[in-house]
Amino acid sequence: MEEIIVESLTLKDLFDNQQTLAIPEYQRPYVWTPKEINKLLVQFKQHKERTDEKPLFYL
């Protein structure tokens, strides 16, 4: 069994080092449509634009 490592990263760090992002075996058959991708990108943008004390954005 593969070891799962949990860590906190900024979105920039996440996208700069793509090796840190692994999709679990059980999620691979899931297909993202443009609708789901756009929803995620809107959520990233909304989180970035928040002016209050930001909690972490969990993926």
PDB file of N, CA and C in Angstrom:
ATOM      1  N   MET A   1       0.846  -1.185   0.000  1.00  0.00           N
ATOM      2  CA  MET A   1       0.000   0.000   0.000  1.00  0.00           C
ATOM      3  C   MET A   1       0.884   1.239   0.000  1.00  0.00           C
ATOM      4  N   GLU A   2       0.488   2.220  -0.800  1.00  0.00           N
ATOM      5  CA  GLU A   2       1.237   3.458  -0.922  1.00  0.00           C
ATOM      6  C   GLU A   2       0.974   4.364   0.278  1.00  0.00           C
ATOM      7  N   GLU A   3       2.032   4.981   0.787  1.00  0.00           N
ATOM      8  CA  GLU A   3       1.896   5.895   1.922  1.00  0.00           C
ATOM      9  C   GLU A   3       1.225   7.186   1.477  1.00  0.00           C
ATOM     10  N   ILE A   4       0.285   7.672   2.279  1.00  0.00           N
ATOM     11  CA  ILE A   4      -0.399   8.924   1.992  1.00  0.00           C
ATOM     12  C   ILE A   4       0.215  10.010   2.858  1.00  0.00           C
ATOM     13  N   ILE A   5       0.649  11.078   2.209  1.00  0.00           N
ATOM     14  CA  ILE A   5       1.254  12.202   2.917  1.00  0.00           C
ATOM     15  C   ILE A   5       0.320  13.402   2.796  1.00  0.00           C
ATOM     16  N   VAL A   6      -0.013  13.995   3.918  1.00  0.00           N
ATOM     17  CA  VAL A   6      -0.888  15.167   3.936  1.00  0.00           C
ATOM     18  C   VAL A   6      -0.024  16.382   4.262  1.00  0.00           C
ATOM     19  N   GLU A   7      -0.151  17.432   3.458  1.00  0.00           N
ATOM     20  CA  GLU A   7       0.610  18.639   3.722  1.00  0.00           C
ATOM     21  C   GLU A   7      -0.168  19.860   3.264  1.00  0.00           C
ATOM     22  N   SER A   8       0.175  21.000   3.821  1.00  0.00           N
ATOM     23  CA  SER A   8      -0.447  22.259   3.436  1.00  0.00           C
ATOM     24  C   SER A   8       0.435  22.942   2.402  1.00  0.00           C
ATOM     25  N   LEU A   9      -0.195  23.362   1.301  1.00  0.00           N
ATOM     26  CA  LEU A   9       0.519  24.049   0.231  1.00  0.00           C
ATOM     27  C   LEU A   9      -0.296  25.237  -0.228  1.00  0.00           C
ATOM     28  N   THR A  10       0.396  26.243  -0.741  1.00  0.00           N
ATOM     29  CA  THR A  10      -0.332  27.302  -1.418  1.00  0.00           C
ATOM     30  C   THR A  10      -0.738  26.759  -2.787  1.00  0.00           C
ATOM     31  N   LEU A  11      -1.709  27.399  -3.435  1.00  0.00           N
ATOM     32  CA  LEU A  11      -2.084  26.957  -4.779  1.00  0.00           C
ATOM     33  C   LEU A  11      -0.897  27.089  -5.723  1.00  0.00           C
ATOM     34  N   LYS A  12      -0.107  28.135  -5.542  1.00  0.00           N
ATOM     35  CA  LYS A  12       1.083  28.305  -6.378  1.00  0.00           C
ATOM     36  C   LYS A  12       2.031  27.128  -6.194  1.00  0.00           C
ATOM     37  N   ASP A  13       2.297  26.750  -4.955  1.00  0.00           N
ATOM     38  CA  ASP A  13       3.178  25.605  -4.695  1.00  0.00           C
ATOM     39  C   ASP A  13       2.612  24.321  -5.293  1.00  0.00           C
ATOM     40  N   LEU A  14       1.320  24.155  -5.176  1.00  0.00           N
ATOM     41  CA  LEU A  14       0.677  22.963  -5.719  1.00  0.00           C
ATOM     42  C   LEU A  14       0.889  22.857  -7.219  1.00  0.00           C
ATOM     43  N   PHE A  15       0.670  23.954  -7.930  1.00  0.00           N
ATOM     44  CA  PHE A  15       0.790  23.920  -9.381  1.00  0.00           C
ATOM     45  C   PHE A  15       2.241  23.974  -9.853  1.00  0.00           C
ATOM     46  N   ASP A  16       3.133  24.556  -9.047  1.00  0.00           N
ATOM     47  CA  ASP A  16       4.553  24.583  -9.414  1.00  0.00           C
ATOM     48  C   ASP A  16       5.202  23.208  -9.267  1.00  0.00           C
ATOM     49  N   ASN A  17       4.720  22.407  -8.337  1.00  0.00           N
ATOM     50  CA  ASN A  17       5.310  21.093  -8.074  1.00  0.00           C
ATOM     51  C   ASN A  17       4.232  20.028  -8.228  1.00  0.00           C
ATOM     52  N   GLN A  18       3.895  19.705  -9.448  1.00  0.00           N
ATOM     53  CA  GLN A  18       2.786  18.802  -9.729  1.00  0.00           C
ATOM     54  C   GLN A  18       3.019  17.378  -9.232  1.00  0.00           C
ATOM     55  N   GLN A  19       4.236  17.039  -8.887  1.00  0.00           N
ATOM     56  CA  GLN A  19       4.511  15.697  -8.375  1.00  0.00           C
ATOM     57  C   GLN A  19       3.863  15.464  -7.020  1.00  0.00           C
ATOM     58  N   THR A  20       3.515  16.524  -6.297  1.00  0.00           N
ATOM     59  CA  THR A  20       2.931  16.364  -4.969  1.00  0.00           C
ATOM     60  C   THR A  20       1.459  15.999  -5.027  1.00  0.00           C
ATOM     61  N   LEU A  21       0.843  16.129  -6.194  1.00  0.00           N
ATOM     62  CA  LEU A  21      -0.580  15.849  -6.330  1.00  0.00           C
ATOM     63  C   LEU A  21      -0.770  14.478  -6.966  1.00  0.00           C
ATOM     64  N   ALA A  22      -1.365  13.580  -6.225  1.00  0.00           N
ATOM     65  CA  ALA A  22      -1.634  12.241  -6.740  1.00  0.00           C
ATOM     66  C   ALA A  22      -3.126  11.960  -6.626  1.00  0.00           C
ATOM     67  N   ILE A  23      -3.664  11.336  -7.637  1.00  0.00           N
ATOM     68  CA  ILE A  23      -5.081  10.994  -7.631  1.00  0.00           C
ATOM     69  C   ILE A  23      -5.219   9.537  -7.197  1.00  0.00           C
ATOM     70  N   PRO A  24      -5.960   9.288  -6.116  1.00  0.00           N
ATOM     71  CA  PRO A  24      -6.102   7.909  -5.644  1.00  0.00           C
ATOM     72  C   PRO A  24      -6.710   6.998  -6.719  1.00  0.00           C
ATOM     73  N   GLU A  25      -6.353   5.749  -6.662  1.00  0.00           N
ATOM     74  CA  GLU A  25      -6.809   4.750  -7.628  1.00  0.00           C
ATOM     75  C   GLU A  25      -8.337   4.772  -7.798  1.00  0.00           C
ATOM     76  N   TYR A  26      -9.066   4.877  -6.690  1.00  0.00           N
ATOM     77  CA  TYR A  26     -10.533   4.828  -6.760  1.00  0.00           C
ATOM     78  C   TYR A  26     -11.133   6.063  -7.428  1.00  0.00           C
ATOM     79  N   GLN A  27     -10.366   7.137  -7.607  1.00  0.00           N
ATOM     80  CA  GLN A  27     -10.877   8.352  -8.228  1.00  0.00           C
ATOM     81  C   GLN A  27     -10.581   8.418  -9.722  1.00  0.00           C
ATOM     82  N   ARG A  28      -9.708   7.577 -10.203  1.00  0.00           N
ATOM     83  CA  ARG A  28      -9.278   7.666 -11.599  1.00  0.00           C
ATOM     84  C   ARG A  28     -10.404   7.511 -12.608  1.00  0.00           C
ATOM     85  N   PRO A  29     -11.400   6.674 -12.390  1.00  0.00           N
ATOM     86  CA  PRO A  29     -12.458   6.564 -13.397  1.00  0.00           C
ATOM     87  C   PRO A  29     -13.344   7.819 -13.497  1.00  0.00           C
ATOM     88  N   TYR A  30     -13.284   8.682 -12.486  1.00  0.00           N
ATOM     89  CA  TYR A  30     -14.109   9.882 -12.485  1.00  0.00           C
ATOM     90  C   TYR A  30     -13.641  10.818 -13.588  1.00  0.00           C
ATOM     91  N   VAL A  31     -14.559  11.300 -14.391  1.00  0.00           N
ATOM     92  CA  VAL A  31     -14.219  12.195 -15.492  1.00  0.00           C
ATOM     93  C   VAL A  31     -14.765  13.583 -15.191  1.00  0.00           C
ATOM     94  N   TRP A  32     -13.871  14.557 -15.210  1.00  0.00           N
ATOM     95  CA  TRP A  32     -14.276  15.936 -14.978  1.00  0.00           C
ATOM     96  C   TRP A  32     -14.758  16.540 -16.288  1.00  0.00           C
ATOM     97  N   THR A  33     -15.936  17.125 -16.248  1.00  0.00           N
ATOM     98  CA  THR A  33     -16.453  17.836 -17.415  1.00  0.00           C
ATOM     99  C   THR A  33     -16.055  19.308 -17.274  1.00  0.00           C
ATOM    100  N   PRO A  34     -16.190  20.092 -18.323  1.00  0.00           N
ATOM    101  CA  PRO A  34     -15.896  21.528 -18.195  1.00  0.00           C
ATOM    102  C   PRO A  34     -16.689  22.182 -17.056  1.00  0.00           C
ATOM    103  N   LYS A  35     -17.886  21.697 -16.794  1.00  0.00           N
ATOM    104  CA  LYS A  35     -18.706  22.273 -15.716  1.00  0.00           C
ATOM    105  C   LYS A  35     -18.006  22.121 -14.360  1.00  0.00           C
ATOM    106  N   GLU A  36     -17.487  20.929 -14.053  1.00  0.00           N
ATOM    107  CA  GLU A  36     -16.811  20.711 -12.766  1.00  0.00           C
ATOM    108  C   GLU A  36     -15.495  21.482 -12.687  1.00  0.00           C
ATOM    109  N   ILE A  37     -14.779  21.536 -13.787  1.00  0.00           N
ATOM    110  CA  ILE A  37     -13.508  22.271 -13.811  1.00  0.00           C
ATOM    111  C   ILE A  37     -13.762  23.758 -13.578  1.00  0.00           C
ATOM    112  N   ASN A  38     -14.756  24.317 -14.257  1.00  0.00           N
ATOM    113  CA  ASN A  38     -15.087  25.737 -14.070  1.00  0.00           C
ATOM    114  C   ASN A  38     -15.525  26.028 -12.649  1.00  0.00           C
ATOM    115  N   LYS A  39     -16.297  25.124 -12.066  1.00  0.00           N
ATOM    116  CA  LYS A  39     -16.745  25.309 -10.679  1.00  0.00           C
ATOM    117  C   LYS A  39     -15.541  25.370  -9.736  1.00  0.00           C
ATOM    118  N   LEU A  40     -14.574  24.473  -9.922  1.00  0.00           N
ATOM    119  CA  LEU A  40     -13.381  24.471  -9.083  1.00  0.00           C
ATOM    120  C   LEU A  40     -12.583  25.763  -9.268  1.00  0.00           C
ATOM    121  N   LEU A  41     -12.417  26.208 -10.501  1.00  0.00           N
ATOM    122  CA  LEU A  41     -11.673  27.438 -10.757  1.00  0.00           C
ATOM    123  C   LEU A  41     -12.367  28.657 -10.152  1.00  0.00           C
ATOM    124  N   VAL A  42     -13.689  28.694 -10.206  1.00  0.00           N
ATOM    125  CA  VAL A  42     -14.446  29.794  -9.574  1.00  0.00           C
ATOM    126  C   VAL A  42     -14.229  29.766  -8.065  1.00  0.00           C
ATOM    127  N   GLN A  43     -14.221  28.569  -7.474  1.00  0.00           N
ATOM    128  CA  GLN A  43     -13.995  28.459  -6.033  1.00  0.00           C
ATOM    129  C   GLN A  43     -12.591  28.925  -5.662  1.00  0.00           C
ATOM    130  N   PHE A  44     -11.580  28.599  -6.477  1.00  0.00           N
ATOM    131  CA  PHE A  44     -10.219  29.104  -6.238  1.00  0.00           C
ATOM    132  C   PHE A  44     -10.225  30.625  -6.254  1.00  0.00           C
ATOM    133  N   LYS A  45     -10.862  31.204  -7.271  1.00  0.00           N
ATOM    134  CA  LYS A  45     -10.889  32.661  -7.418  1.00  0.00           C
ATOM    135  C   LYS A  45     -11.611  33.318  -6.241  1.00  0.00           C
ATOM    136  N   GLN A  46     -12.748  32.766  -5.842  1.00  0.00           N
ATOM    137  CA  GLN A  46     -13.500  33.325  -4.709  1.00  0.00           C
ATOM    138  C   GLN A  46     -12.668  33.260  -3.436  1.00  0.00           C
ATOM    139  N   HIS A  47     -11.964  32.168  -3.250  1.00  0.00           N
ATOM    140  CA  HIS A  47     -11.137  32.027  -2.047  1.00  0.00           C
ATOM    141  C   HIS A  47     -10.010  33.063  -2.047  1.00  0.00           C
ATOM    142  N   LYS A  48      -9.380  33.253  -3.196  1.00  0.00           N
ATOM    143  CA  LYS A  48      -8.285  34.224  -3.313  1.00  0.00           C
ATOM    144  C   LYS A  48      -8.764  35.642  -3.040  1.00  0.00           C
ATOM    145  N   GLU A  49     -10.000  35.963  -3.436  1.00  0.00           N
ATOM    146  CA  GLU A  49     -10.532  37.319  -3.303  1.00  0.00           C
ATOM    147  C   GLU A  49     -11.117  37.628  -1.928  1.00  0.00           C
ATOM    148  N   ARG A  50     -11.216  36.625  -1.069  1.00  0.00           N
ATOM    149  CA  ARG A  50     -11.773  36.878   0.266  1.00  0.00           C
ATOM    150  C   ARG A  50     -10.904  37.864   1.020  1.00  0.00           C
ATOM    151  N   THR A  51     -11.531  38.751   1.766  1.00  0.00           N
ATOM    152  CA  THR A  51     -10.781  39.756   2.523  1.00  0.00           C
ATOM    153  C   THR A  51     -10.776  39.456   4.017  1.00  0.00           C
ATOM    154  N   ASP A  52     -11.576  38.492   4.446  1.00  0.00           N
ATOM    155  CA  ASP A  52     -11.592  38.140   5.862  1.00  0.00           C
ATOM    156  C   ASP A  52     -10.460  37.155   6.157  1.00  0.00           C
ATOM    157  N   GLU A  53     -10.406  36.696   7.368  1.00  0.00           N
ATOM    158  CA  GLU A  53      -9.404  35.697   7.763  1.00  0.00           C
ATOM    159  C   GLU A  53      -9.698  34.405   7.009  1.00  0.00           C
ATOM    160  N   LYS A  54      -8.831  34.055   6.082  1.00  0.00           N
ATOM    161  CA  LYS A  54      -9.082  32.909   5.211  1.00  0.00           C
ATOM    162  C   LYS A  54      -8.741  31.587   5.900  1.00  0.00           C
ATOM    163  N   PRO A  55      -9.679  30.654   5.916  1.00  0.00           N
ATOM    164  CA  PRO A  55      -9.312  29.308   6.330  1.00  0.00           C
ATOM    165  C   PRO A  55      -8.573  28.641   5.165  1.00  0.00           C
ATOM    166  N   LEU A  56      -7.968  27.522   5.408  1.00  0.00           N
ATOM    167  CA  LEU A  56      -7.309  26.799   4.326  1.00  0.00           C
ATOM    168  C   LEU A  56      -8.328  26.323   3.312  1.00  0.00           C
ATOM    169  N   PHE A  57      -7.909  26.172   2.084  1.00  0.00           N
ATOM    170  CA  PHE A  57      -8.763  25.653   1.015  1.00  0.00           C
ATOM    171  C   PHE A  57      -8.416  24.171   0.864  1.00  0.00           C
ATOM    172  N   TYR A  58      -9.345  23.319   1.203  1.00  0.00           N
ATOM    173  CA  TYR A  58      -9.070  21.877   1.189  1.00  0.00           C
ATOM    174  C   TYR A  58      -9.460  21.260  -0.135  1.00  0.00           C
ATOM    175  N   LEU A  59      -8.558  20.439  -0.670  1.00  0.00           N
ATOM    176  CA  LEU A  59      -8.829  19.672  -1.895  1.00  0.00           C
ATOM    177  C   LEU A  59      -8.924  18.213  -1.531  1.00  0.00           C
TER     178      LEU A  59
END
